[in-house]
Protein backbone atom coordinates (compact mmCIF):
# COMPACT_ATOMS: atom_id res chain seq x y z
CA MET A 1 0.00 0.00 0.00
CA PRO A 2 1.53 3.33 -1.00
CA ALA A 3 2.19 5.98 1.64
CA PRO A 4 -0.23 8.94 1.54
CA SER A 5 1.17 12.04 -0.05
CA ARG A 6 1.93 15.12 1.97
CA ARG A 7 -0.69 17.07 0.05
CA TRP A 8 -3.49 14.78 1.29
CA MET A 9 -2.21 15.00 4.85
CA PHE A 10 -2.21 18.80 4.61
CA VAL A 11 -5.78 18.80 3.20
CA LEU A 12 -6.93 16.44 5.96
CA LEU A 13 -5.31 18.61 8.64
CA LEU A 14 -6.88 21.71 7.15
CA ALA A 15 -10.32 20.06 7.09
CA VAL A 16 -10.04 18.96 10.72
CA GLY A 17 -8.95 22.45 11.74
CA ALA A 18 -11.84 24.05 9.86
CA ALA A 19 -14.30 21.63 11.45
CA GLY A 20 -12.90 22.49 14.88
CA PHE A 21 -13.29 26.21 14.31
CA ALA A 22 -16.80 25.68 12.95
CA CYS A 23 -17.82 23.66 16.01
CA TYR A 24 -16.28 26.21 18.35
CA GLY A 25 -18.15 29.00 16.58
CA VAL A 26 -21.47 27.17 16.97
CA ARG A 27 -20.78 26.42 20.64
CA SER A 28 -19.75 29.97 21.47
CA SER A 29 -22.87 31.42 19.89
CA MET A 30 -25.15 29.03 21.83
CA GLU A 31 -23.67 29.39 25.31
CA PRO A 32 -21.40 31.87 27.07
CA GLY A 33 -17.73 31.50 26.33
CA PHE A 34 -14.54 32.80 27.90
CA ALA A 35 -15.00 36.31 26.51
CA ASP A 36 -18.53 36.65 27.86
CA PRO A 37 -18.31 39.18 30.74
CA SER A 38 -21.35 37.65 32.47
CA GLU A 39 -19.18 34.67 33.42
CA PHE A 40 -16.62 36.70 35.33
CA PRO A 41 -17.21 36.90 39.08
CA ARG A 42 -18.21 40.26 40.47
CA ALA A 43 -14.84 40.55 42.19
CA PHE A 44 -13.19 41.04 38.81
CA ALA A 45 -15.71 43.70 37.86
CA GLU A 46 -14.87 45.85 40.89
CA PRO A 47 -12.22 48.49 40.33
CA SER A 48 -8.77 47.40 41.40
CA PRO A 49 -7.22 49.12 44.40
CA SER A 50 -5.19 52.25 43.82
CA ASP A 51 -1.44 52.36 44.27
CA ALA A 52 -1.91 54.02 47.66
CA GLU A 53 -4.25 51.22 48.75
CA TRP A 54 -1.80 48.57 47.59
CA GLU A 55 0.95 50.31 49.56
CA ARG A 56 -1.29 50.48 52.66
CA ARG A 57 -2.02 46.75 52.36
CA ARG A 58 1.66 45.97 51.90
CA GLN A 59 2.57 47.97 55.01
CA ILE A 60 -0.08 46.18 57.08
CA GLY A 61 1.13 42.81 55.85
CA MET A 62 4.74 43.68 56.64
CA ARG A 63 3.89 44.89 60.17
CA ARG A 64 1.84 41.78 60.91
CA SER A 65 4.52 39.52 59.52
CA ALA A 66 7.28 41.27 61.49
CA ALA A 67 5.32 41.07 64.75
CA LYS A 68 4.61 37.37 64.21
CA GLU A 69 8.21 36.63 63.23
CA THR A 70 9.44 38.37 66.38
CA ALA A 71 7.04 36.33 68.51
CA VAL A 72 8.25 33.07 66.95
CA LYS A 73 11.90 34.00 67.48
CA GLU A 74 11.21 34.95 71.11
CA LEU A 75 9.40 31.63 71.57
CA LEU A 76 12.31 29.68 70.12
CA ALA A 77 14.76 31.62 72.30
CA GLY A 78 12.75 30.61 75.38
CA ARG A 79 11.66 34.15 76.27
CA LEU A 80 7.98 33.47 75.45
CA THR A 81 5.71 30.51 76.02
CA LEU A 82 3.44 29.18 73.29
CA ALA A 83 0.47 30.90 74.96
CA GLU A 84 2.27 34.25 75.16
CA ALA A 85 3.32 33.97 71.50
CA ALA A 86 -0.30 33.19 70.55
CA VAL A 87 -1.42 36.33 72.37
CA CYS A 88 1.19 38.30 70.37
CA PHE A 89 -0.22 36.80 67.16
CA ARG A 90 -3.76 37.75 68.15
CA ILE A 91 -2.70 41.31 69.01
CA ALA A 92 -0.93 41.63 65.65
CA GLU A 93 -4.05 40.42 63.83
CA GLU A 94 -6.29 42.81 65.77
CA GLU A 95 -3.93 45.77 65.50
CA TRP A 96 -3.36 45.37 61.75
CA PRO A 97 -6.49 43.71 60.36
CA MET A 98 -6.50 42.55 56.75
CA THR A 99 -10.00 43.79 56.00
CA TRP A 100 -9.69 43.08 52.27
CA ALA A 101 -9.13 39.34 52.77
CA PRO A 102 -11.61 36.73 53.95
CA PRO A 103 -11.50 36.31 57.74
CA ARG A 104 -9.47 33.42 59.10
CA ILE A 105 -11.91 31.19 60.90
CA ALA A 106 -10.83 28.39 63.18
CA ALA A 107 -12.19 25.09 61.86
CA GLY A 108 -14.03 23.92 64.96
CA THR A 109 -10.99 23.92 67.23
CA GLY A 110 -11.22 27.52 68.34
CA GLU A 111 -9.21 30.65 67.82
CA GLY A 112 -6.60 29.78 70.44
CA GLU A 113 -5.73 26.51 68.77
CA ARG A 114 -5.63 28.13 65.32
CA LEU A 115 -3.10 30.66 66.60
CA CYS A 116 -1.02 28.01 68.37
CA ARG A 117 -0.96 25.77 65.29
CA ASP A 118 0.10 28.73 63.14
CA ILE A 119 2.96 29.43 65.55
CA LYS A 120 3.96 25.77 65.67
CA ASP A 121 4.07 25.61 61.87
CA ARG A 122 6.18 28.75 61.62
CA ALA A 123 8.53 27.59 64.39
CA HIS A 124 8.86 24.16 62.79
CA ASN A 125 9.72 25.69 59.41
CA TRP A 126 12.29 28.06 60.90
CA VAL A 127 13.99 25.32 62.94
CA ALA A 128 13.90 22.82 60.07
CA GLU A 129 15.65 25.34 57.85
CA ASN A 130 18.18 26.68 60.36
CA LEU A 131 18.71 23.92 62.96
CA PRO A 132 17.38 20.70 61.41
CA GLU A 133 18.79 18.52 64.19
CA ALA A 134 16.60 20.31 66.78
CA THR A 135 13.33 20.06 64.84
CA GLY A 136 12.04 17.02 66.76
CA LEU A 137 12.79 18.56 70.15
CA VAL A 138 11.12 21.87 69.33
CA ASP A 139 8.05 20.15 67.86
CA ALA A 140 7.70 17.95 70.97
CA ARG A 141 8.10 20.94 73.32
CA LEU A 142 5.47 23.00 71.51
CA GLU A 143 3.05 20.07 71.30
CA ALA A 144 3.43 19.55 75.07
CA GLU A 145 2.73 23.25 75.69
CA LEU A 146 -0.34 23.03 73.46
CA ARG A 147 -1.64 20.04 75.43
CA GLN A 148 -1.22 22.03 78.67
CA LEU A 149 -3.28 24.89 77.22
CA ARG A 150 -6.13 22.59 76.29
CA GLY A 151 -8.93 22.57 78.85
CA ALA A 152 -11.03 19.60 79.93
CA ASP A 153 -13.51 20.48 77.20
CA GLY A 154 -10.75 20.25 74.56
CA VAL A 155 -10.65 23.97 73.85
CA VAL A 156 -7.32 25.80 73.87
CA ARG A 157 -7.58 28.84 76.13
CA LEU A 158 -5.04 31.62 76.02
CA PRO A 159 -4.04 33.61 79.15
CA ASP A 160 -6.39 36.55 78.65
CA GLU A 161 -9.50 34.49 77.81
């Protein structure tokens, strides 16, 4: 059987491409497509923040991050307990709220546990990167502190609650 010529392959490819464009054209006229603005969520329709607003958000994020980083470093240095660091995290979140983002809601475990788990994760990551041999010890210490904060009802309570 002779091999098909290149001309027939080109014609076949052209026909398949034309059929694809024809089907796409029919589909896009029957239902909304990518370019239909009614499909975009309302969030995209809202005007984007101004440069000043972006700078304000950046400053808030930096302040929060710096306060939380300081609390984690103080915790790892032994100058703060897990509960005290969690209070620092809560103060940072209250002092510099991120009103443009969805609120962080504790998934059934309570706000105190959410804060403590956030601190534990950050501490674990810092120690794993800088002192990998101490990661297990730090994780165990923080988990023991978290267990001590947990009440009989299973809720983690911070000092000022």
